[in-house]
Amino acid sequence: MGENLALTLFSERRTIEAERLLCKLSDISRRTHGHEHRTTKIVVSSLTLVRQHRNVISWLEDVSGLFQALRYENDGEVCVVQGPISSPRNVEEECHYHYAFSITDIIPSPGTPVVCHGLQNSAHLNGKIGDVRNLDVKEKEDGSKYFDKDIDRCVVYFEDRSLAPVKVKAKNLRVLFDLLKADNA
């Protein structure tokens, strides 16, 4: 039942809560049942699925779409991604790209865990962990709807529930790859 709850949280773009719950469940299942037990394997499989959901949307001249963010390099100046992700996903056909933030728009997709940084008017939110739950995209003058990095925002719900959800520019968000490291930072 705990695994079902975690997957429901994940489907509601509450990735951080889902991942934390699955971490606890996998620890308990390993201690109780062992590494090779069916229940342990199911929980670990779900945890792997949730941890892989670090997706970004990117637009470049040569390639655009949804990508899985893999890591940052050069002190966070470059985001390494894999994709574009097709449906159904075919990992063998995907490529790795190194995107420098100065030359591309990388927008965390809904459900992606993030950390706020570089905020000036809301500096108290820098370092706070949350999930992108939605994209606040304004209709443009020509009637189209696309994400404009200068106008549109990501709606972030924080793990600290005493903080209200906020709309943040994508440039002020970094994908959170490891919750354990964030807890110890």
N, C-alpha and C. Protein backbone atom coordinates (compact mmCIF):
# COMPACT_ATOMS: atom_id res chain seq x y z
N MET A 1 0.83 -1.19 0.00
CA MET A 1 0.00 0.00 0.00
C MET A 1 0.87 1.25 0.00
N GLY A 2 1.99 1.18 0.69
CA GLY A 2 2.89 2.33 0.72
C GLY A 2 3.44 2.64 -0.66
N GLU A 3 3.77 1.60 -1.40
CA GLU A 3 4.28 1.80 -2.76
C GLU A 3 3.21 2.42 -3.64
N ASN A 4 1.95 2.01 -3.49
CA ASN A 4 0.85 2.61 -4.24
C ASN A 4 0.67 4.08 -3.89
N LEU A 5 0.79 4.41 -2.60
CA LEU A 5 0.71 5.81 -2.18
C LEU A 5 1.83 6.62 -2.82
N ALA A 6 3.02 6.08 -2.81
CA ALA A 6 4.16 6.78 -3.41
C ALA A 6 3.94 7.02 -4.90
N LEU A 7 3.44 6.03 -5.61
CA LEU A 7 3.19 6.19 -7.05
C LEU A 7 2.07 7.19 -7.31
N THR A 8 1.09 7.25 -6.40
CA THR A 8 0.03 8.26 -6.52
C THR A 8 0.61 9.65 -6.31
N LEU A 9 1.46 9.81 -5.31
CA LEU A 9 2.13 11.10 -5.09
C LEU A 9 2.94 11.48 -6.32
N PHE A 10 3.65 10.53 -6.88
CA PHE A 10 4.46 10.76 -8.08
C PHE A 10 3.58 11.22 -9.24
N SER A 11 2.43 10.57 -9.43
CA SER A 11 1.53 10.95 -10.53
C SER A 11 0.96 12.34 -10.33
N GLU A 12 0.93 12.81 -9.10
CA GLU A 12 0.45 14.16 -8.79
C GLU A 12 1.59 15.18 -8.79
N ARG A 13 2.75 14.78 -9.32
CA ARG A 13 3.94 15.63 -9.44
C ARG A 13 4.53 16.00 -8.09
N ARG A 14 4.33 15.15 -7.11
CA ARG A 14 4.90 15.33 -5.77
C ARG A 14 6.07 14.35 -5.64
N THR A 15 7.05 14.56 -6.49
CA THR A 15 8.17 13.63 -6.65
C THR A 15 9.01 13.50 -5.39
N ILE A 16 9.26 14.60 -4.71
CA ILE A 16 10.10 14.55 -3.50
C ILE A 16 9.43 13.69 -2.43
N GLU A 17 8.15 13.90 -2.18
CA GLU A 17 7.43 13.08 -1.19
C GLU A 17 7.45 11.61 -1.60
N ALA A 18 7.23 11.34 -2.88
CA ALA A 18 7.23 9.95 -3.36
C ALA A 18 8.60 9.31 -3.16
N GLU A 19 9.65 10.03 -3.51
CA GLU A 19 11.00 9.47 -3.36
C GLU A 19 11.35 9.22 -1.90
N ARG A 20 11.02 10.15 -1.03
CA ARG A 20 11.32 9.96 0.40
C ARG A 20 10.57 8.76 0.97
N LEU A 21 9.30 8.61 0.60
CA LEU A 21 8.52 7.47 1.08
C LEU A 21 9.09 6.16 0.55
N LEU A 22 9.44 6.11 -0.72
CA LEU A 22 10.00 4.88 -1.28
C LEU A 22 11.36 4.54 -0.68
N CYS A 23 12.16 5.54 -0.33
CA CYS A 23 13.45 5.28 0.34
C CYS A 23 13.21 4.59 1.69
N LYS A 24 12.24 5.11 2.45
CA LYS A 24 11.92 4.50 3.74
C LYS A 24 11.40 3.07 3.55
N LEU A 25 10.50 2.91 2.59
CA LEU A 25 9.93 1.58 2.34
C LEU A 25 10.99 0.58 1.88
N SER A 26 11.93 1.03 1.05
CA SER A 26 12.96 0.09 0.58
C SER A 26 13.87 -0.31 1.73
N ASP A 27 14.21 0.62 2.61
CA ASP A 27 15.03 0.28 3.78
C ASP A 27 14.31 -0.73 4.68
N ILE A 28 13.04 -0.48 4.94
CA ILE A 28 12.26 -1.38 5.80
C ILE A 28 12.12 -2.75 5.15
N SER A 29 11.83 -2.77 3.84
CA SER A 29 11.65 -4.04 3.14
C SER A 29 12.94 -4.84 3.09
N ARG A 30 14.08 -4.18 2.89
CA ARG A 30 15.37 -4.89 2.88
C ARG A 30 15.65 -5.52 4.25
N ARG A 31 15.40 -4.74 5.32
CA ARG A 31 15.65 -5.26 6.67
C ARG A 31 14.69 -6.40 7.01
N THR A 32 13.44 -6.27 6.59
CA THR A 32 12.41 -7.24 6.95
C THR A 32 12.45 -8.48 6.07
N HIS A 33 12.53 -8.26 4.76
CA HIS A 33 12.40 -9.36 3.81
C HIS A 33 13.71 -9.78 3.15
N GLY A 34 14.67 -8.88 3.07
CA GLY A 34 15.91 -9.16 2.36
C GLY A 34 15.91 -8.54 0.98
N HIS A 35 17.08 -8.51 0.37
CA HIS A 35 17.27 -7.84 -0.93
C HIS A 35 16.55 -8.54 -2.08
N GLU A 36 16.40 -9.84 -2.01
CA GLU A 36 15.86 -10.59 -3.14
C GLU A 36 14.35 -10.85 -3.05
N HIS A 37 13.73 -10.34 -2.01
CA HIS A 37 12.28 -10.56 -1.85
C HIS A 37 11.51 -9.77 -2.91
N ARG A 38 10.39 -10.33 -3.35
CA ARG A 38 9.55 -9.72 -4.39
C ARG A 38 9.13 -8.30 -4.00
N THR A 39 8.71 -8.09 -2.77
CA THR A 39 8.26 -6.77 -2.32
C THR A 39 9.40 -5.77 -2.38
N THR A 40 10.58 -6.17 -1.94
CA THR A 40 11.75 -5.29 -1.98
C THR A 40 12.05 -4.89 -3.42
N LYS A 41 12.02 -5.85 -4.32
CA LYS A 41 12.30 -5.57 -5.73
C LYS A 41 11.29 -4.61 -6.34
N ILE A 42 10.02 -4.75 -5.98
CA ILE A 42 8.97 -3.86 -6.49
C ILE A 42 9.21 -2.43 -6.00
N VAL A 43 9.51 -2.29 -4.71
CA VAL A 43 9.74 -0.96 -4.14
C VAL A 43 10.99 -0.32 -4.76
N VAL A 44 12.05 -1.09 -4.90
CA VAL A 44 13.29 -0.57 -5.49
C VAL A 44 13.05 -0.17 -6.95
N SER A 45 12.27 -0.94 -7.67
CA SER A 45 11.94 -0.60 -9.05
C SER A 45 11.16 0.72 -9.13
N SER A 46 10.22 0.89 -8.23
CA SER A 46 9.46 2.15 -8.20
C SER A 46 10.35 3.32 -7.82
N LEU A 47 11.27 3.09 -6.88
CA LEU A 47 12.21 4.14 -6.48
C LEU A 47 13.09 4.55 -7.66
N THR A 48 13.54 3.58 -8.43
CA THR A 48 14.36 3.86 -9.62
C THR A 48 13.56 4.71 -10.61
N LEU A 49 12.31 4.36 -10.84
CA LEU A 49 11.45 5.12 -11.74
C LEU A 49 11.32 6.57 -11.28
N VAL A 50 11.06 6.77 -10.00
CA VAL A 50 10.87 8.12 -9.46
C VAL A 50 12.18 8.91 -9.55
N ARG A 51 13.28 8.28 -9.24
CA ARG A 51 14.58 8.98 -9.28
C ARG A 51 15.00 9.36 -10.70
N GLN A 52 14.49 8.65 -11.68
CA GLN A 52 14.82 8.99 -13.06
C GLN A 52 14.03 10.19 -13.56
N HIS A 53 13.01 10.58 -12.82
CA HIS A 53 12.19 11.71 -13.29
C HIS A 53 12.86 13.04 -12.91
N ARG A 54 13.86 13.36 -13.65
CA ARG A 54 14.55 14.64 -13.54
C ARG A 54 14.54 15.19 -14.97
N ASN A 55 13.38 15.64 -15.41
CA ASN A 55 13.21 16.01 -16.81
C ASN A 55 13.24 17.52 -17.00
N VAL A 56 13.75 17.91 -18.15
CA VAL A 56 13.78 19.31 -18.53
C VAL A 56 13.26 19.43 -19.96
N ILE A 57 12.74 20.59 -20.26
CA ILE A 57 12.29 20.91 -21.60
C ILE A 57 13.34 21.84 -22.19
N SER A 58 13.76 21.58 -23.40
CA SER A 58 14.80 22.38 -24.01
C SER A 58 14.48 22.66 -25.47
N TRP A 59 14.86 23.87 -25.90
CA TRP A 59 14.70 24.26 -27.30
C TRP A 59 16.03 24.74 -27.83
N LEU A 60 16.48 24.10 -28.86
CA LEU A 60 17.66 24.54 -29.61
C LEU A 60 17.31 24.46 -31.09
N GLU A 61 18.13 25.04 -31.91
CA GLU A 61 17.87 25.00 -33.35
C GLU A 61 17.87 23.57 -33.87
N ASP A 62 18.82 22.75 -33.40
CA ASP A 62 18.97 21.41 -33.96
C ASP A 62 18.11 20.34 -33.29
N VAL A 63 17.75 20.53 -32.04
CA VAL A 63 16.98 19.52 -31.32
C VAL A 63 16.21 20.18 -30.17
N SER A 64 14.98 19.72 -29.97
CA SER A 64 14.19 20.25 -28.87
C SER A 64 13.27 19.16 -28.36
N GLY A 65 12.70 19.39 -27.18
CA GLY A 65 11.77 18.43 -26.61
C GLY A 65 12.03 18.19 -25.15
N LEU A 66 11.56 17.04 -24.68
CA LEU A 66 11.71 16.63 -23.29
C LEU A 66 12.95 15.75 -23.17
N PHE A 67 13.80 16.07 -22.19
CA PHE A 67 15.05 15.35 -21.97
C PHE A 67 15.13 14.93 -20.51
N GLN A 68 15.85 13.85 -20.25
CA GLN A 68 16.14 13.47 -18.88
C GLN A 68 17.44 14.17 -18.48
N ALA A 69 17.37 14.98 -17.44
CA ALA A 69 18.58 15.63 -16.93
C ALA A 69 19.39 14.59 -16.16
N LEU A 70 20.69 14.52 -16.44
CA LEU A 70 21.55 13.51 -15.83
C LEU A 70 22.44 14.07 -14.73
N ARG A 71 23.00 15.26 -14.97
CA ARG A 71 23.92 15.85 -13.98
C ARG A 71 24.31 17.25 -14.44
N TYR A 72 24.97 17.95 -13.53
CA TYR A 72 25.58 19.23 -13.87
C TYR A 72 27.09 19.05 -13.94
N GLU A 73 27.73 19.84 -14.78
CA GLU A 73 29.18 19.87 -14.89
C GLU A 73 29.64 21.32 -14.85
N ASN A 74 30.94 21.53 -14.64
CA ASN A 74 31.54 22.87 -14.60
C ASN A 74 30.83 23.76 -13.59
N ASP A 75 30.70 23.27 -12.36
CA ASP A 75 30.06 24.03 -11.28
C ASP A 75 28.66 24.51 -11.64
N GLY A 76 27.91 23.67 -12.33
CA GLY A 76 26.52 23.99 -12.64
C GLY A 76 26.32 24.84 -13.88
N GLU A 77 27.39 25.11 -14.61
CA GLU A 77 27.25 25.92 -15.83
C GLU A 77 26.74 25.11 -17.01
N VAL A 78 26.91 23.79 -16.96
CA VAL A 78 26.50 22.91 -18.05
C VAL A 78 25.60 21.83 -17.48
N CYS A 79 24.47 21.61 -18.16
CA CYS A 79 23.56 20.53 -17.78
C CYS A 79 23.67 19.43 -18.82
N VAL A 80 23.98 18.22 -18.37
CA VAL A 80 24.07 17.07 -19.27
C VAL A 80 22.71 16.40 -19.27
N VAL A 81 22.15 16.23 -20.49
CA VAL A 81 20.83 15.64 -20.64
C VAL A 81 20.87 14.50 -21.64
N GLN A 82 19.84 13.66 -21.59
CA GLN A 82 19.70 12.55 -22.53
C GLN A 82 18.33 12.64 -23.16
N GLY A 83 18.27 12.49 -24.48
CA GLY A 83 16.98 12.54 -25.15
C GLY A 83 17.15 12.92 -26.60
N PRO A 84 16.16 13.47 -27.21
CA PRO A 84 14.84 13.74 -26.64
C PRO A 84 14.07 12.45 -26.35
N ILE A 85 13.21 12.52 -25.34
CA ILE A 85 12.44 11.37 -24.90
C ILE A 85 11.23 11.21 -25.81
N SER A 86 11.10 10.03 -26.40
CA SER A 86 9.94 9.73 -27.25
C SER A 86 8.94 8.92 -26.44
N SER A 87 7.76 8.76 -26.98
CA SER A 87 6.74 7.95 -26.33
C SER A 87 6.27 6.89 -27.31
N PRO A 88 6.46 5.62 -27.04
CA PRO A 88 7.14 5.07 -25.87
C PRO A 88 8.64 5.36 -25.95
N ARG A 89 9.26 5.39 -24.79
CA ARG A 89 10.67 5.75 -24.70
C ARG A 89 11.55 4.66 -25.30
N ASN A 90 12.54 5.09 -26.08
CA ASN A 90 13.53 4.19 -26.65
C ASN A 90 14.91 4.77 -26.33
N VAL A 91 15.46 4.36 -25.20
CA VAL A 91 16.72 4.90 -24.69
C VAL A 91 17.86 4.71 -25.68
N GLU A 92 17.84 3.61 -26.45
CA GLU A 92 18.92 3.34 -27.39
C GLU A 92 19.03 4.41 -28.48
N GLU A 93 17.94 5.07 -28.80
CA GLU A 93 17.95 6.10 -29.84
C GLU A 93 18.26 7.49 -29.29
N GLU A 94 18.33 7.63 -27.99
CA GLU A 94 18.57 8.95 -27.39
C GLU A 94 20.06 9.28 -27.38
N CYS A 95 20.34 10.56 -27.40
CA CYS A 95 21.72 11.06 -27.38
C CYS A 95 21.95 11.87 -26.12
N HIS A 96 23.24 12.04 -25.78
CA HIS A 96 23.63 12.90 -24.67
C HIS A 96 24.00 14.27 -25.23
N TYR A 97 23.54 15.32 -24.53
CA TYR A 97 23.85 16.69 -24.92
C TYR A 97 24.38 17.42 -23.70
N HIS A 98 25.29 18.34 -23.93
CA HIS A 98 25.84 19.19 -22.88
C HIS A 98 25.37 20.61 -23.18
N TYR A 99 24.42 21.10 -22.39
CA TYR A 99 23.85 22.42 -22.62
C TYR A 99 24.42 23.44 -21.66
N ALA A 100 25.07 24.44 -22.20
CA ALA A 100 25.53 25.57 -21.39
C ALA A 100 24.33 26.48 -21.18
N PHE A 101 24.13 26.92 -19.95
CA PHE A 101 22.96 27.73 -19.65
C PHE A 101 22.96 29.06 -20.40
N SER A 102 24.12 29.52 -20.81
CA SER A 102 24.17 30.80 -21.51
C SER A 102 23.66 30.70 -22.94
N ILE A 103 23.58 29.49 -23.51
CA ILE A 103 23.17 29.38 -24.91
C ILE A 103 21.82 28.70 -25.12
N THR A 104 21.18 28.25 -24.08
CA THR A 104 19.93 27.51 -24.27
C THR A 104 18.95 27.78 -23.14
N ASP A 105 17.73 27.44 -23.39
CA ASP A 105 16.69 27.51 -22.38
C ASP A 105 16.44 26.10 -21.86
N ILE A 106 16.64 25.90 -20.58
CA ILE A 106 16.36 24.62 -19.96
C ILE A 106 15.32 24.87 -18.88
N ILE A 107 14.16 24.27 -19.05
CA ILE A 107 13.04 24.48 -18.15
C ILE A 107 12.71 23.17 -17.46
N PRO A 108 12.78 23.12 -16.12
CA PRO A 108 12.39 21.89 -15.42
C PRO A 108 10.93 21.57 -15.71
N SER A 109 10.65 20.34 -16.09
CA SER A 109 9.27 19.96 -16.41
C SER A 109 8.50 19.67 -15.12
N PRO A 110 7.16 19.73 -15.18
CA PRO A 110 6.36 19.43 -14.00
C PRO A 110 6.70 18.05 -13.42
N GLY A 111 6.86 18.02 -12.09
CA GLY A 111 7.23 16.81 -11.37
C GLY A 111 8.71 16.72 -11.07
N THR A 112 9.51 17.65 -11.60
CA THR A 112 10.96 17.59 -11.39
C THR A 112 11.33 18.29 -10.09
N PRO A 113 12.10 17.62 -9.22
CA PRO A 113 12.58 18.26 -7.99
C PRO A 113 13.62 19.33 -8.32
N VAL A 114 13.53 20.46 -7.64
CA VAL A 114 14.43 21.58 -7.91
C VAL A 114 14.89 22.24 -6.62
N VAL A 115 15.92 23.08 -6.77
CA VAL A 115 16.41 23.93 -5.69
C VAL A 115 16.43 25.36 -6.24
N CYS A 116 15.93 26.29 -5.47
CA CYS A 116 15.96 27.70 -5.88
C CYS A 116 17.35 28.27 -5.64
N HIS A 117 17.77 29.15 -6.55
CA HIS A 117 19.05 29.82 -6.39
C HIS A 117 19.01 31.16 -7.14
N GLY A 118 19.80 32.10 -6.69
CA GLY A 118 19.95 33.37 -7.39
C GLY A 118 18.75 34.29 -7.28
N LEU A 119 17.81 34.00 -6.39
CA LEU A 119 16.66 34.88 -6.21
C LEU A 119 17.10 36.12 -5.42
N GLN A 120 16.65 37.28 -5.85
CA GLN A 120 17.03 38.51 -5.16
C GLN A 120 15.88 39.06 -4.33
N ASN A 121 14.68 39.14 -4.91
CA ASN A 121 13.54 39.68 -4.16
C ASN A 121 13.00 38.68 -3.14
N SER A 122 13.27 37.41 -3.34
CA SER A 122 12.84 36.37 -2.41
C SER A 122 14.05 35.52 -2.01
N ALA A 123 15.10 36.20 -1.56
CA ALA A 123 16.37 35.53 -1.25
C ALA A 123 16.21 34.46 -0.17
N HIS A 124 15.19 34.58 0.68
CA HIS A 124 14.98 33.57 1.73
C HIS A 124 14.64 32.20 1.14
N LEU A 125 14.27 32.15 -0.14
CA LEU A 125 13.94 30.89 -0.79
C LEU A 125 15.15 30.21 -1.43
N ASN A 126 16.27 30.92 -1.53
CA ASN A 126 17.47 30.32 -2.10
C ASN A 126 17.88 29.11 -1.26
N GLY A 127 18.14 28.00 -1.93
CA GLY A 127 18.50 26.76 -1.24
C GLY A 127 17.32 25.92 -0.82
N LYS A 128 16.11 26.41 -1.00
CA LYS A 128 14.91 25.65 -0.63
C LYS A 128 14.58 24.63 -1.72
N ILE A 129 14.13 23.47 -1.27
CA ILE A 129 13.82 22.34 -2.13
C ILE A 129 12.33 22.30 -2.42
N GLY A 130 11.99 22.01 -3.68
CA GLY A 130 10.58 21.87 -4.04
C GLY A 130 10.42 21.10 -5.34
N ASP A 131 9.16 20.89 -5.69
CA ASP A 131 8.81 20.24 -6.96
C ASP A 131 8.20 21.27 -7.88
N VAL A 132 8.56 21.22 -9.15
CA VAL A 132 7.82 22.01 -10.14
C VAL A 132 6.51 21.26 -10.35
N ARG A 133 5.40 21.93 -10.09
CA ARG A 133 4.10 21.27 -10.23
C ARG A 133 3.37 21.70 -11.49
N ASN A 134 3.76 22.87 -12.02
CA ASN A 134 3.07 23.37 -13.19
C ASN A 134 3.94 24.42 -13.86
N LEU A 135 3.62 24.75 -15.09
CA LEU A 135 4.27 25.85 -15.79
C LEU A 135 3.23 26.94 -15.99
N ASP A 136 3.56 28.16 -15.58
CA ASP A 136 2.67 29.30 -15.74
C ASP A 136 3.05 29.99 -17.05
N VAL A 137 2.33 29.62 -18.11
CA VAL A 137 2.64 30.11 -19.45
C VAL A 137 1.55 31.08 -19.89
N LYS A 138 1.93 32.30 -20.19
CA LYS A 138 1.00 33.33 -20.63
C LYS A 138 0.76 33.20 -22.14
N GLU A 139 -0.46 33.48 -22.55
CA GLU A 139 -0.75 33.50 -23.98
C GLU A 139 -0.04 34.70 -24.60
N LYS A 140 0.62 34.48 -25.71
CA LYS A 140 1.39 35.53 -26.37
C LYS A 140 0.48 36.37 -27.27
N GLU A 141 1.00 37.49 -27.74
CA GLU A 141 0.22 38.42 -28.56
C GLU A 141 -0.35 37.76 -29.80
N ASP A 142 0.35 36.79 -30.36
CA ASP A 142 -0.13 36.12 -31.57
C ASP A 142 -1.10 34.98 -31.26
N GLY A 143 -1.44 34.80 -29.97
CA GLY A 143 -2.38 33.76 -29.56
C GLY A 143 -1.74 32.43 -29.23
N SER A 144 -0.43 32.31 -29.46
CA SER A 144 0.25 31.04 -29.18
C SER A 144 0.61 30.94 -27.70
N LYS A 145 0.87 29.70 -27.29
CA LYS A 145 1.31 29.45 -25.91
C LYS A 145 2.59 28.65 -25.97
N TYR A 146 3.67 29.24 -25.60
CA TYR A 146 4.97 28.58 -25.51
C TYR A 146 5.68 29.21 -24.32
N PHE A 147 6.65 28.49 -23.76
CA PHE A 147 7.36 28.96 -22.58
C PHE A 147 8.39 30.00 -22.99
N ASP A 148 8.22 31.22 -22.50
CA ASP A 148 9.16 32.31 -22.74
C ASP A 148 9.93 32.53 -21.44
N LYS A 149 11.23 32.29 -21.47
CA LYS A 149 12.04 32.32 -20.24
C LYS A 149 12.03 33.68 -19.54
N ASP A 150 11.72 34.74 -20.27
CA ASP A 150 11.71 36.08 -19.67
C ASP A 150 10.37 36.46 -19.06
N ILE A 151 9.30 35.78 -19.46
CA ILE A 151 7.95 36.13 -19.01
C ILE A 151 7.34 35.05 -18.14
N ASP A 152 7.47 33.81 -18.57
CA ASP A 152 6.77 32.71 -17.94
C ASP A 152 7.56 32.14 -16.75
N ARG A 153 6.85 31.39 -15.91
CA ARG A 153 7.43 30.89 -14.66
C ARG A 153 7.09 29.42 -14.44
N CYS A 154 7.89 28.80 -13.59
CA CYS A 154 7.61 27.46 -13.08
C CYS A 154 6.95 27.63 -11.72
N VAL A 155 5.89 26.88 -11.47
CA VAL A 155 5.20 26.94 -10.18
C VAL A 155 5.84 25.89 -9.28
N VAL A 156 6.46 26.34 -8.19
CA VAL A 156 7.20 25.46 -7.29
C VAL A 156 6.47 25.35 -5.96
N TYR A 157 6.22 24.10 -5.55
CA TYR A 157 5.68 23.80 -4.23
C TYR A 157 6.84 23.28 -3.39
N PHE A 158 7.06 23.88 -2.24
CA PHE A 158 8.22 23.56 -1.43
C PHE A 158 7.97 22.38 -0.51
N GLU A 159 9.06 21.68 -0.23
CA GLU A 159 8.99 20.57 0.73
C GLU A 159 8.61 21.10 2.10
N ASP A 160 9.12 22.26 2.46
CA ASP A 160 8.76 22.94 3.71
C ASP A 160 7.37 23.54 3.49
N ARG A 161 6.37 22.90 4.04
CA ARG A 161 4.99 23.31 3.79
C ARG A 161 4.62 24.65 4.42
N SER A 162 5.49 25.20 5.24
CA SER A 162 5.22 26.53 5.78
C SER A 162 5.46 27.60 4.73
N LEU A 163 6.11 27.22 3.63
CA LEU A 163 6.36 28.14 2.52
C LEU A 163 5.25 27.99 1.47
N ALA A 164 4.70 29.10 1.06
CA ALA A 164 3.65 29.09 0.04
C ALA A 164 4.27 28.76 -1.32
N PRO A 165 3.50 28.15 -2.22
CA PRO A 165 3.99 27.93 -3.58
C PRO A 165 4.32 29.27 -4.24
N VAL A 166 5.34 29.26 -5.09
CA VAL A 166 5.74 30.49 -5.77
C VAL A 166 5.98 30.21 -7.26
N LYS A 167 5.94 31.28 -8.02
CA LYS A 167 6.25 31.22 -9.44
C LYS A 167 7.67 31.74 -9.60
N VAL A 168 8.54 30.91 -10.19
CA VAL A 168 9.97 31.20 -10.28
C VAL A 168 10.43 31.09 -11.73
N LYS A 169 11.29 32.01 -12.14
CA LYS A 169 11.89 31.91 -13.46
C LYS A 169 12.74 30.64 -13.52
N ALA A 170 12.75 30.01 -14.68
CA ALA A 170 13.51 28.77 -14.85
C ALA A 170 14.99 28.98 -14.58
N LYS A 171 15.53 30.16 -14.87
CA LYS A 171 16.95 30.41 -14.65
C LYS A 171 17.31 30.41 -13.16
N ASN A 172 16.31 30.51 -12.29
CA ASN A 172 16.54 30.50 -10.85
C ASN A 172 16.26 29.14 -10.21
N LEU A 173 16.22 28.11 -11.04
CA LEU A 173 15.99 26.75 -10.55
C LEU A 173 17.08 25.83 -11.06
N ARG A 174 17.49 24.91 -10.21
CA ARG A 174 18.42 23.86 -10.61
C ARG A 174 17.77 22.53 -10.26
N VAL A 175 17.92 21.57 -11.16
CA VAL A 175 17.39 20.23 -10.93
C VAL A 175 18.10 19.64 -9.71
N LEU A 176 17.33 19.03 -8.84
CA LEU A 176 17.87 18.36 -7.65
C LEU A 176 18.02 16.88 -7.97
N PHE A 177 19.26 16.43 -8.07
CA PHE A 177 19.52 15.04 -8.46
C PHE A 177 19.57 14.10 -7.27
N ASP A 178 19.97 14.56 -6.10
CA ASP A 178 20.16 13.66 -4.97
C ASP A 178 19.60 14.29 -3.70
N LEU A 179 18.47 13.78 -3.22
CA LEU A 179 17.85 14.30 -2.01
C LEU A 179 18.72 14.11 -0.78
N LEU A 180 19.45 13.00 -0.73
CA LEU A 180 20.30 12.74 0.44
C LEU A 180 21.41 13.79 0.57
N LYS A 181 22.02 14.14 -0.55
CA LYS A 181 23.06 15.18 -0.51
C LYS A 181 22.47 16.52 -0.12
N ALA A 182 21.24 16.81 -0.59
CA ALA A 182 20.58 18.06 -0.25
C ALA A 182 20.29 18.13 1.24
N ASP A 183 19.92 16.99 1.84
CA ASP A 183 19.64 16.95 3.27
C ASP A 183 20.89 17.22 4.09
N ASN A 184 22.03 16.78 3.58
CA ASN A 184 23.29 16.92 4.33
C ASN A 184 24.00 18.23 4.04
N ALA A 185 23.48 19.00 3.08
CA ALA A 185 24.15 20.26 2.71
C ALA A 185 23.83 21.37 3.69
